[in-house]
Amino acid sequence: MSDTILHECGIALIRLRKPLSFYIQKYGPTYAMNKMYILMEKQHNRGQDGAGIANIKIDQKPGFRFFSRYRSVKAQPVAHLFKKIGRKFKKAAKEGKEKFKDP
């Protein structure tokens, strides 16, 4: 490999091998988000200038949102992303009540 090393992107992926309801019941609704935060913080030390996160829900019914993404180029992009996502979770928990834990 004779290519010079330049700015490279890191990718972190979480694939839930069991149904989402299993993880919500056993660990709570923020399980995957907490794991992703840890993975992204580990990669953050590689020196990137920004961060982004995308979520895809497979087998979603037509007309419902199946994809979302957030990006940040702030001084601490990973922390900024998860702060934004945390606000969405709090709002959903407050407004959704029983729907909040519905996979």
PDB file of N, CA and C in Angstrom:
ATOM      1  N   MET A   1       0.848  -1.165   0.000  1.00  0.00           N
ATOM      2  CA  MET A   1       0.000   0.000   0.000  1.00  0.00           C
ATOM      3  C   MET A   1       0.895   1.229   0.000  1.00  0.00           C
ATOM      4  N   SER A   2       0.962   1.917  -1.115  1.00  0.00           N
ATOM      5  CA  SER A   2       1.861   3.053  -1.228  1.00  0.00           C
ATOM      6  C   SER A   2       1.137   4.396  -1.181  1.00  0.00           C
ATOM      7  N   ASP A   3      -0.187   4.403  -0.969  1.00  0.00           N
ATOM      8  CA  ASP A   3      -0.927   5.658  -0.883  1.00  0.00           C
ATOM      9  C   ASP A   3      -0.557   6.396   0.392  1.00  0.00           C
ATOM     10  N   THR A   4      -0.537   7.725   0.307  1.00  0.00           N
ATOM     11  CA  THR A   4      -0.293   8.513   1.510  1.00  0.00           C
ATOM     12  C   THR A   4      -1.549   8.528   2.368  1.00  0.00           C
ATOM     13  N   ILE A   5      -1.352   8.630   3.646  1.00  0.00           N
ATOM     14  CA  ILE A   5      -2.486   8.659   4.568  1.00  0.00           C
ATOM     15  C   ILE A   5      -2.983  10.093   4.654  1.00  0.00           C
ATOM     16  N   LEU A   6      -4.234  10.287   4.339  1.00  0.00           N
ATOM     17  CA  LEU A   6      -4.877  11.601   4.399  1.00  0.00           C
ATOM     18  C   LEU A   6      -6.004  11.548   5.418  1.00  0.00           C
ATOM     19  N   HIS A   7      -6.814  12.583   5.451  1.00  0.00           N
ATOM     20  CA  HIS A   7      -7.955  12.628   6.362  1.00  0.00           C
ATOM     21  C   HIS A   7      -8.947  11.542   5.960  1.00  0.00           C
ATOM     22  N   GLU A   8      -9.199  10.632   6.832  1.00  0.00           N
ATOM     23  CA  GLU A   8     -10.100   9.517   6.555  1.00  0.00           C
ATOM     24  C   GLU A   8     -11.309   9.584   7.483  1.00  0.00           C
ATOM     25  N   CYS A   9     -12.389   9.038   7.027  1.00  0.00           N
ATOM     26  CA  CYS A   9     -13.605   8.968   7.835  1.00  0.00           C
ATOM     27  C   CYS A   9     -13.670   7.627   8.538  1.00  0.00           C
ATOM     28  N   GLY A  10     -14.220   7.629   9.723  1.00  0.00           N
ATOM     29  CA  GLY A  10     -14.489   6.392  10.443  1.00  0.00           C
ATOM     30  C   GLY A  10     -15.976   6.133  10.426  1.00  0.00           C
ATOM     31  N   ILE A  11     -16.345   4.884  10.412  1.00  0.00           N
ATOM     32  CA  ILE A  11     -17.757   4.513  10.400  1.00  0.00           C
ATOM     33  C   ILE A  11     -18.029   3.609  11.591  1.00  0.00           C
ATOM     34  N   ALA A  12     -19.064   3.919  12.329  1.00  0.00           N
ATOM     35  CA  ALA A  12     -19.521   3.082  13.440  1.00  0.00           C
ATOM     36  C   ALA A  12     -20.916   2.590  13.088  1.00  0.00           C
ATOM     37  N   LEU A  13     -21.175   1.333  13.312  1.00  0.00           N
ATOM     38  CA  LEU A  13     -22.463   0.736  12.952  1.00  0.00           C
ATOM     39  C   LEU A  13     -22.967  -0.098  14.111  1.00  0.00           C
ATOM     40  N   ILE A  14     -24.237   0.046  14.401  1.00  0.00           N
ATOM     41  CA  ILE A  14     -24.890  -0.832  15.368  1.00  0.00           C
ATOM     42  C   ILE A  14     -26.023  -1.533  14.643  1.00  0.00           C
ATOM     43  N   ARG A  15     -25.987  -2.826  14.702  1.00  0.00           N
ATOM     44  CA  ARG A  15     -27.053  -3.645  14.109  1.00  0.00           C
ATOM     45  C   ARG A  15     -27.674  -4.447  15.237  1.00  0.00           C
ATOM     46  N   LEU A  16     -28.941  -4.224  15.473  1.00  0.00           N
ATOM     47  CA  LEU A  16     -29.631  -4.959  16.526  1.00  0.00           C
ATOM     48  C   LEU A  16     -30.020  -6.330  15.987  1.00  0.00           C
ATOM     49  N   ARG A  17     -29.524  -7.373  16.597  1.00  0.00           N
ATOM     50  CA  ARG A  17     -29.748  -8.726  16.099  1.00  0.00           C
ATOM     51  C   ARG A  17     -31.058  -9.325  16.593  1.00  0.00           C
ATOM     52  N   LYS A  18     -31.635  -8.706  17.599  1.00  0.00           N
ATOM     53  CA  LYS A  18     -32.936  -9.141  18.113  1.00  0.00           C
ATOM     54  C   LYS A  18     -33.930  -8.029  17.838  1.00  0.00           C
ATOM     55  N   PRO A  19     -35.228  -8.301  17.975  1.00  0.00           N
ATOM     56  CA  PRO A  19     -36.226  -7.249  17.751  1.00  0.00           C
ATOM     57  C   PRO A  19     -36.006  -6.052  18.684  1.00  0.00           C
ATOM     58  N   LEU A  20     -36.335  -4.889  18.201  1.00  0.00           N
ATOM     59  CA  LEU A  20     -36.158  -3.660  18.971  1.00  0.00           C
ATOM     60  C   LEU A  20     -36.874  -3.732  20.315  1.00  0.00           C
ATOM     61  N   SER A  21     -38.022  -4.380  20.349  1.00  0.00           N
ATOM     62  CA  SER A  21     -38.787  -4.489  21.600  1.00  0.00           C
ATOM     63  C   SER A  21     -37.984  -5.189  22.699  1.00  0.00           C
ATOM     64  N   PHE A  22     -37.138  -6.149  22.339  1.00  0.00           N
ATOM     65  CA  PHE A  22     -36.290  -6.844  23.313  1.00  0.00           C
ATOM     66  C   PHE A  22     -35.363  -5.857  24.021  1.00  0.00           C
ATOM     67  N   TYR A  23     -34.701  -5.009  23.252  1.00  0.00           N
ATOM     68  CA  TYR A  23     -33.743  -4.054  23.816  1.00  0.00           C
ATOM     69  C   TYR A  23     -34.442  -2.968  24.626  1.00  0.00           C
ATOM     70  N   ILE A  24     -35.609  -2.548  24.186  1.00  0.00           N
ATOM     71  CA  ILE A  24     -36.356  -1.533  24.925  1.00  0.00           C
ATOM     72  C   ILE A  24     -36.784  -2.085  26.278  1.00  0.00           C
ATOM     73  N   GLN A  25     -37.266  -3.318  26.286  1.00  0.00           N
ATOM     74  CA  GLN A  25     -37.732  -3.927  27.528  1.00  0.00           C
ATOM     75  C   GLN A  25     -36.571  -4.220  28.482  1.00  0.00           C
ATOM     76  N   LYS A  26     -35.463  -4.734  27.966  1.00  0.00           N
ATOM     77  CA  LYS A  26     -34.356  -5.144  28.818  1.00  0.00           C
ATOM     78  C   LYS A  26     -33.458  -3.986  29.255  1.00  0.00           C
ATOM     79  N   TYR A  27     -33.151  -3.056  28.337  1.00  0.00           N
ATOM     80  CA  TYR A  27     -32.169  -2.002  28.624  1.00  0.00           C
ATOM     81  C   TYR A  27     -32.747  -0.590  28.622  1.00  0.00           C
ATOM     82  N   GLY A  28     -33.934  -0.407  28.119  1.00  0.00           N
ATOM     83  CA  GLY A  28     -34.525   0.925  28.030  1.00  0.00           C
ATOM     84  C   GLY A  28     -34.438   1.471  26.619  1.00  0.00           C
ATOM     85  N   PRO A  29     -35.169   2.545  26.337  1.00  0.00           N
ATOM     86  CA  PRO A  29     -35.268   3.061  24.966  1.00  0.00           C
ATOM     87  C   PRO A  29     -34.001   3.728  24.434  1.00  0.00           C
ATOM     88  N   THR A  30     -33.023   3.996  25.285  1.00  0.00           N
ATOM     89  CA  THR A  30     -31.813   4.683  24.823  1.00  0.00           C
ATOM     90  C   THR A  30     -30.608   3.752  24.673  1.00  0.00           C
ATOM     91  N   TYR A  31     -30.807   2.457  24.700  1.00  0.00           N
ATOM     92  CA  TYR A  31     -29.705   1.490  24.655  1.00  0.00           C
ATOM     93  C   TYR A  31     -28.810   1.689  23.432  1.00  0.00           C
ATOM     94  N   ALA A  32     -29.396   1.663  22.236  1.00  0.00           N
ATOM     95  CA  ALA A  32     -28.595   1.772  21.010  1.00  0.00           C
ATOM     96  C   ALA A  32     -27.927   3.143  20.908  1.00  0.00           C
ATOM     97  N   MET A  33     -28.625   4.178  21.356  1.00  0.00           N
ATOM     98  CA  MET A  33     -28.056   5.519  21.310  1.00  0.00           C
ATOM     99  C   MET A  33     -26.822   5.617  22.213  1.00  0.00           C
ATOM    100  N   ASN A  34     -26.885   5.020  23.389  1.00  0.00           N
ATOM    101  CA  ASN A  34     -25.735   5.043  24.297  1.00  0.00           C
ATOM    102  C   ASN A  34     -24.546   4.289  23.712  1.00  0.00           C
ATOM    103  N   LYS A  35     -24.800   3.154  23.093  1.00  0.00           N
ATOM    104  CA  LYS A  35     -23.730   2.371  22.466  1.00  0.00           C
ATOM    105  C   LYS A  35     -23.093   3.154  21.316  1.00  0.00           C
ATOM    106  N   MET A  36     -23.920   3.820  20.527  1.00  0.00           N
ATOM    107  CA  MET A  36     -23.397   4.597  19.400  1.00  0.00           C
ATOM    108  C   MET A  36     -22.550   5.767  19.892  1.00  0.00           C
ATOM    109  N   TYR A  37     -22.971   6.389  20.971  1.00  0.00           N
ATOM    110  CA  TYR A  37     -22.188   7.491  21.533  1.00  0.00           C
ATOM    111  C   TYR A  37     -20.782   7.016  21.922  1.00  0.00           C
ATOM    112  N   ILE A  38     -20.722   5.864  22.574  1.00  0.00           N
ATOM    113  CA  ILE A  38     -19.420   5.315  22.983  1.00  0.00           C
ATOM    114  C   ILE A  38     -18.549   5.034  21.760  1.00  0.00           C
ATOM    115  N   LEU A  39     -19.110   4.410  20.735  1.00  0.00           N
ATOM    116  CA  LEU A  39     -18.354   4.114  19.515  1.00  0.00           C
ATOM    117  C   LEU A  39     -17.835   5.383  18.850  1.00  0.00           C
ATOM    118  N   MET A  40     -18.686   6.388  18.755  1.00  0.00           N
ATOM    119  CA  MET A  40     -18.289   7.629  18.086  1.00  0.00           C
ATOM    120  C   MET A  40     -17.255   8.403  18.898  1.00  0.00           C
ATOM    121  N   GLU A  41     -17.338   8.350  20.209  1.00  0.00           N
ATOM    122  CA  GLU A  41     -16.325   9.016  21.042  1.00  0.00           C
ATOM    123  C   GLU A  41     -14.963   8.361  20.855  1.00  0.00           C
ATOM    124  N   LYS A  42     -14.949   7.047  20.705  1.00  0.00           N
ATOM    125  CA  LYS A  42     -13.679   6.343  20.455  1.00  0.00           C
ATOM    126  C   LYS A  42     -13.062   6.805  19.139  1.00  0.00           C
ATOM    127  N   GLN A  43     -13.880   7.009  18.119  1.00  0.00           N
ATOM    128  CA  GLN A  43     -13.382   7.452  16.816  1.00  0.00           C
ATOM    129  C   GLN A  43     -13.061   8.941  16.814  1.00  0.00           C
ATOM    130  N   HIS A  44     -13.678   9.691  17.690  1.00  0.00           N
ATOM    131  CA  HIS A  44     -13.482  11.137  17.740  1.00  0.00           C
ATOM    132  C   HIS A  44     -12.009  11.490  17.941  1.00  0.00           C
ATOM    133  N   ASN A  45     -11.294  10.675  18.662  1.00  0.00           N
ATOM    134  CA  ASN A  45      -9.882  10.944  18.938  1.00  0.00           C
ATOM    135  C   ASN A  45      -9.001  10.774  17.707  1.00  0.00           C
ATOM    136  N   ARG A  46      -9.587  10.391  16.590  1.00  0.00           N
ATOM    137  CA  ARG A  46      -8.815  10.249  15.357  1.00  0.00           C
ATOM    138  C   ARG A  46      -8.637  11.588  14.660  1.00  0.00           C
ATOM    139  N   GLY A  47      -9.289  12.638  15.150  1.00  0.00           N
ATOM    140  CA  GLY A  47      -9.036  13.978  14.658  1.00  0.00           C
ATOM    141  C   GLY A  47      -9.984  14.526  13.619  1.00  0.00           C
ATOM    142  N   GLN A  48     -11.165  13.956  13.477  1.00  0.00           N
ATOM    143  CA  GLN A  48     -12.068  14.490  12.460  1.00  0.00           C
ATOM    144  C   GLN A  48     -12.612  15.855  12.882  1.00  0.00           C
ATOM    145  N   ASP A  49     -13.032  16.620  11.885  1.00  0.00           N
ATOM    146  CA  ASP A  49     -13.534  17.967  12.140  1.00  0.00           C
ATOM    147  C   ASP A  49     -15.039  18.017  12.335  1.00  0.00           C
ATOM    148  N   GLY A  50     -15.734  16.962  12.039  1.00  0.00           N
ATOM    149  CA  GLY A  50     -17.183  16.942  12.161  1.00  0.00           C
ATOM    150  C   GLY A  50     -17.657  15.530  12.417  1.00  0.00           C
ATOM    151  N   ALA A  51     -18.963  15.407  12.607  1.00  0.00           N
ATOM    152  CA  ALA A  51     -19.554  14.089  12.847  1.00  0.00           C
ATOM    153  C   ALA A  51     -20.974  14.087  12.317  1.00  0.00           C
ATOM    154  N   GLY A  52     -21.470  12.921  12.050  1.00  0.00           N
ATOM    155  CA  GLY A  52     -22.842  12.772  11.594  1.00  0.00           C
ATOM    156  C   GLY A  52     -23.383  11.428  12.020  1.00  0.00           C
ATOM    157  N   ILE A  53     -24.697  11.353  12.066  1.00  0.00           N
ATOM    158  CA  ILE A  53     -25.347  10.100  12.452  1.00  0.00           C
ATOM    159  C   ILE A  53     -26.595   9.937  11.596  1.00  0.00           C
ATOM    160  N   ALA A  54     -26.835   8.711  11.170  1.00  0.00           N
ATOM    161  CA  ALA A  54     -28.030   8.401  10.383  1.00  0.00           C
ATOM    162  C   ALA A  54     -28.721   7.199  10.994  1.00  0.00           C
ATOM    163  N   ASN A  55     -30.028   7.164  10.862  1.00  0.00           N
ATOM    164  CA  ASN A  55     -30.836   6.087  11.401  1.00  0.00           C
ATOM    165  C   ASN A  55     -31.775   5.614  10.303  1.00  0.00           C
ATOM    166  N   ILE A  56     -31.805   4.311  10.077  1.00  0.00           N
ATOM    167  CA  ILE A  56     -32.695   3.733   9.074  1.00  0.00           C
ATOM    168  C   ILE A  56     -33.550   2.681   9.744  1.00  0.00           C
ATOM    169  N   LYS A  57     -34.857   2.761   9.574  1.00  0.00           N
ATOM    170  CA  LYS A  57     -35.767   1.757  10.110  1.00  0.00           C
ATOM    171  C   LYS A  57     -36.333   0.972   8.933  1.00  0.00           C
ATOM    172  N   ILE A  58     -35.990  -0.297   8.882  1.00  0.00           N
ATOM    173  CA  ILE A  58     -36.402  -1.167   7.782  1.00  0.00           C
ATOM    174  C   ILE A  58     -37.823  -1.669   8.025  1.00  0.00           C
ATOM    175  N   ASP A  59     -38.545  -1.936   6.956  1.00  0.00           N
ATOM    176  CA  ASP A  59     -39.922  -2.452   6.990  1.00  0.00           C
ATOM    177  C   ASP A  59     -40.906  -1.465   7.603  1.00  0.00           C
ATOM    178  N   GLN A  60     -40.680  -0.189   7.388  1.00  0.00           N
ATOM    179  CA  GLN A  60     -41.597   0.840   7.869  1.00  0.00           C
ATOM    180  C   GLN A  60     -42.797   0.917   6.941  1.00  0.00           C
ATOM    181  N   LYS A  61     -43.958   1.198   7.485  1.00  0.00           N
ATOM    182  CA  LYS A  61     -45.173   1.314   6.675  1.00  0.00           C
ATOM    183  C   LYS A  61     -45.083   2.550   5.782  1.00  0.00           C
ATOM    184  N   PRO A  62     -45.694   2.498   4.591  1.00  0.00           N
ATOM    185  CA  PRO A  62     -45.682   3.668   3.699  1.00  0.00           C
ATOM    186  C   PRO A  62     -46.275   4.898   4.388  1.00  0.00           C
ATOM    187  N   GLY A  63     -45.633   6.029   4.162  1.00  0.00           N
ATOM    188  CA  GLY A  63     -46.102   7.281   4.736  1.00  0.00           C
ATOM    189  C   GLY A  63     -45.456   7.626   6.067  1.00  0.00           C
ATOM    190  N   PHE A  64     -44.701   6.696   6.664  1.00  0.00           N
ATOM    191  CA  PHE A  64     -44.023   6.955   7.920  1.00  0.00           C
ATOM    192  C   PHE A  64     -42.541   7.184   7.668  1.00  0.00           C
ATOM    193  N   ARG A  65     -41.938   7.993   8.505  1.00  0.00           N
ATOM    194  CA  ARG A  65     -40.530   8.312   8.355  1.00  0.00           C
ATOM    195  C   ARG A  65     -39.675   7.069   8.627  1.00  0.00           C
ATOM    196  N   PHE A  66     -38.749   6.793   7.741  1.00  0.00           N
ATOM    197  CA  PHE A  66     -37.888   5.630   7.901  1.00  0.00           C
ATOM    198  C   PHE A  66     -36.406   6.007   7.972  1.00  0.00           C
ATOM    199  N   PHE A  67     -36.072   7.260   7.725  1.00  0.00           N
ATOM    200  CA  PHE A  67     -34.676   7.696   7.657  1.00  0.00           C
ATOM    201  C   PHE A  67     -34.535   9.047   8.335  1.00  0.00           C
ATOM    202  N   SER A  68     -33.497   9.192   9.129  1.00  0.00           N
ATOM    203  CA  SER A  68     -33.193  10.507   9.706  1.00  0.00           C
ATOM    204  C   SER A  68     -31.679  10.648   9.789  1.00  0.00           C
ATOM    205  N   ARG A  69     -31.208  11.891   9.750  1.00  0.00           N
ATOM    206  CA  ARG A  69     -29.770  12.122   9.861  1.00  0.00           C
ATOM    207  C   ARG A  69     -29.526  13.476  10.500  1.00  0.00           C
ATOM    208  N   TYR A  70     -28.418  13.549  11.209  1.00  0.00           N
ATOM    209  CA  TYR A  70     -27.981  14.785  11.837  1.00  0.00           C
ATOM    210  C   TYR A  70     -26.476  14.922  11.598  1.00  0.00           C
ATOM    211  N   ARG A  71     -26.031  16.150  11.422  1.00  0.00           N
ATOM    212  CA  ARG A  71     -24.603  16.417  11.217  1.00  0.00           C
ATOM    213  C   ARG A  71     -24.187  17.599  12.080  1.00  0.00           C
ATOM    214  N   SER A  72     -22.890  17.651  12.405  1.00  0.00           N
ATOM    215  CA  SER A  72     -22.384  18.760  13.205  1.00  0.00           C
ATOM    216  C   SER A  72     -20.914  19.007  12.867  1.00  0.00           C
ATOM    217  N   VAL A  73     -20.544  20.269  12.834  1.00  0.00           N
ATOM    218  CA  VAL A  73     -19.134  20.658  12.672  1.00  0.00           C
ATOM    219  C   VAL A  73     -18.714  21.593  13.816  1.00  0.00           C
ATOM    220  N   LYS A  74     -19.397  21.489  14.938  1.00  0.00           N
ATOM    221  CA  LYS A  74     -19.067  22.305  16.108  1.00  0.00           C
ATOM    222  C   LYS A  74     -17.721  21.875  16.686  1.00  0.00           C
ATOM    223  N   ALA A  75     -17.283  22.572  17.722  1.00  0.00           N
ATOM    224  CA  ALA A  75     -15.995  22.257  18.350  1.00  0.00           C
ATOM    225  C   ALA A  75     -15.971  20.831  18.906  1.00  0.00           C
ATOM    226  N   GLN A  76     -17.069  20.371  19.469  1.00  0.00           N
ATOM    227  CA  GLN A  76     -17.202  18.996  19.950  1.00  0.00           C
ATOM    228  C   GLN A  76     -18.396  18.371  19.228  1.00  0.00           C
ATOM    229  N   PRO A  77     -18.195  17.908  17.994  1.00  0.00           N
ATOM    230  CA  PRO A  77     -19.321  17.485  17.168  1.00  0.00           C
ATOM    231  C   PRO A  77     -20.094  16.286  17.704  1.00  0.00           C
ATOM    232  N   VAL A  78     -19.416  15.321  18.305  1.00  0.00           N
ATOM    233  CA  VAL A  78     -20.114  14.136  18.814  1.00  0.00           C
ATOM    234  C   VAL A  78     -21.028  14.528  19.977  1.00  0.00           C
ATOM    235  N   ALA A  79     -20.513  15.305  20.905  1.00  0.00           N
ATOM    236  CA  ALA A  79     -21.317  15.760  22.037  1.00  0.00           C
ATOM    237  C   ALA A  79     -22.489  16.616  21.550  1.00  0.00           C
ATOM    238  N   HIS A  80     -22.252  17.469  20.560  1.00  0.00           N
ATOM    239  CA  HIS A  80     -23.312  18.317  20.019  1.00  0.00           C
ATOM    240  C   HIS A  80     -24.422  17.475  19.382  1.00  0.00           C
ATOM    241  N   LEU A  81     -24.044  16.464  18.630  1.00  0.00           N
ATOM    242  CA  LEU A  81     -25.038  15.580  18.005  1.00  0.00           C
ATOM    243  C   LEU A  81     -25.926  14.909  19.045  1.00  0.00           C
ATOM    244  N   PHE A  82     -25.302  14.331  20.046  1.00  0.00           N
ATOM    245  CA  PHE A  82     -26.069  13.574  21.024  1.00  0.00           C
ATOM    246  C   PHE A  82     -26.847  14.474  21.975  1.00  0.00           C
ATOM    247  N   LYS A  83     -26.424  15.699  22.127  1.00  0.00           N
ATOM    248  CA  LYS A  83     -27.217  16.672  22.883  1.00  0.00           C
ATOM    249  C   LYS A  83     -28.508  16.965  22.114  1.00  0.00           C
ATOM    250  N   LYS A  84     -28.375  17.138  20.801  1.00  0.00           N
ATOM    251  CA  LYS A  84     -29.535  17.383  19.941  1.00  0.00           C
ATOM    252  C   LYS A  84     -30.480  16.172  19.947  1.00  0.00           C
ATOM    253  N   ILE A  85     -29.924  14.984  19.846  1.00  0.00           N
ATOM    254  CA  ILE A  85     -30.729  13.759  19.857  1.00  0.00           C
ATOM    255  C   ILE A  85     -31.383  13.570  21.222  1.00  0.00           C
ATOM    256  N   GLY A  86     -30.656  13.888  22.286  1.00  0.00           N
ATOM    257  CA  GLY A  86     -31.210  13.778  23.638  1.00  0.00           C
ATOM    258  C   GLY A  86     -32.423  14.672  23.836  1.00  0.00           C
ATOM    259  N   ARG A  87     -32.372  15.876  23.264  1.00  0.00           N
ATOM    260  CA  ARG A  87     -33.542  16.773  23.344  1.00  0.00           C
ATOM    261  C   ARG A  87     -34.737  16.170  22.634  1.00  0.00           C
ATOM    262  N   LYS A  88     -34.499  15.515  21.486  1.00  0.00           N
ATOM    263  CA  LYS A  88     -35.590  14.849  20.752  1.00  0.00           C
ATOM    264  C   LYS A  88     -36.184  13.713  21.592  1.00  0.00           C
ATOM    265  N   PHE A  89     -35.331  12.950  22.278  1.00  0.00           N
ATOM    266  CA  PHE A  89     -35.809  11.857  23.127  1.00  0.00           C
ATOM    267  C   PHE A  89     -36.658  12.399  24.272  1.00  0.00           C
ATOM    268  N   LYS A  90     -36.178  13.467  24.911  1.00  0.00           N
ATOM    269  CA  LYS A  90     -36.944  14.052  26.025  1.00  0.00           C
ATOM    270  C   LYS A  90     -38.298  14.555  25.555  1.00  0.00           C
ATOM    271  N   LYS A  91     -38.325  15.212  24.404  1.00  0.00           N
ATOM    272  CA  LYS A  91     -39.581  15.721  23.858  1.00  0.00           C
ATOM    273  C   LYS A  91     -40.516  14.570  23.526  1.00  0.00           C
ATOM    274  N   ALA A  92     -39.983  13.511  22.924  1.00  0.00           N
ATOM    275  CA  ALA A  92     -40.806  12.350  22.572  1.00  0.00           C
ATOM    276  C   ALA A  92     -41.342  11.661  23.823  1.00  0.00           C
ATOM    277  N   ALA A  93     -40.528  11.572  24.861  1.00  0.00           N
ATOM    278  CA  ALA A  93     -40.968  10.940  26.112  1.00  0.00           C
ATOM    279  C   ALA A  93     -42.080  11.742  26.764  1.00  0.00           C
ATOM    280  N   LYS A  94     -41.955  13.078  26.706  1.00  0.00           N
ATOM    281  CA  LYS A  94     -42.961  13.943  27.329  1.00  0.00           C
ATOM    282  C   LYS A  94     -44.270  13.932  26.551  1.00  0.00           C
ATOM    283  N   GLU A  95     -44.187  13.992  25.229  1.00  0.00           N
ATOM    284  CA  GLU A  95     -45.379  14.087  24.394  1.00  0.00           C
ATOM    285  C   GLU A  95     -45.990  12.720  24.065  1.00  0.00           C
ATOM    286  N   GLY A  96     -45.131  11.709  23.940  1.00  0.00           N
ATOM    287  CA  GLY A  96     -45.593  10.422  23.460  1.00  0.00           C
ATOM    288  C   GLY A  96     -46.151   9.484  24.501  1.00  0.00           C
ATOM    289  N   LYS A  97     -45.747   9.650  25.745  1.00  0.00           N
ATOM    290  CA  LYS A  97     -46.154   8.778  26.850  1.00  0.00           C
ATOM    291  C   LYS A  97     -45.971   7.310  26.479  1.00  0.00           C
ATOM    292  N   GLU A  98     -47.050   6.559  26.275  1.00  0.00           N
ATOM    293  CA  GLU A  98     -46.944   5.125  26.000  1.00  0.00           C
ATOM    294  C   GLU A  98     -46.366   4.855  24.598  1.00  0.00           C
ATOM    295  N   LYS A  99     -46.494   5.791  23.682  1.00  0.00           N
ATOM    296  CA  LYS A  99     -45.924   5.621  22.328  1.00  0.00           C
ATOM    297  C   LYS A  99     -44.417   5.684  22.335  1.00  0.00           C
ATOM    298  N   PHE A 100     -43.848   6.306  23.366  1.00  0.00           N
ATOM    299  CA  PHE A 100     -42.400   6.479  23.440  1.00  0.00           C
ATOM    300  C   PHE A 100     -41.665   5.140  23.476  1.00  0.00           C
ATOM    301  N   LYS A 101     -42.220   4.161  24.170  1.00  0.00           N
ATOM    302  CA  LYS A 101     -41.577   2.850  24.275  1.00  0.00           C
ATOM    303  C   LYS A 101     -42.074   1.869  23.228  1.00  0.00           C
ATOM    304  N   ASP A 102     -42.902   2.324  22.320  1.00  0.00           N
ATOM    305  CA  ASP A 102     -43.390   1.465  21.236  1.00  0.00           C
ATOM    306  C   ASP A 102     -42.334   1.363  20.143  1.00  0.00           C
ATOM    307  N   PRO A 103     -41.849   0.129  19.869  1.00  0.00           N
ATOM    308  CA  PRO A 103     -40.807  -0.012  18.864  1.00  0.00           C
ATOM    309  C   PRO A 103     -41.263   0.446  17.494  1.00  0.00           C
TER     310      PRO A 103
END
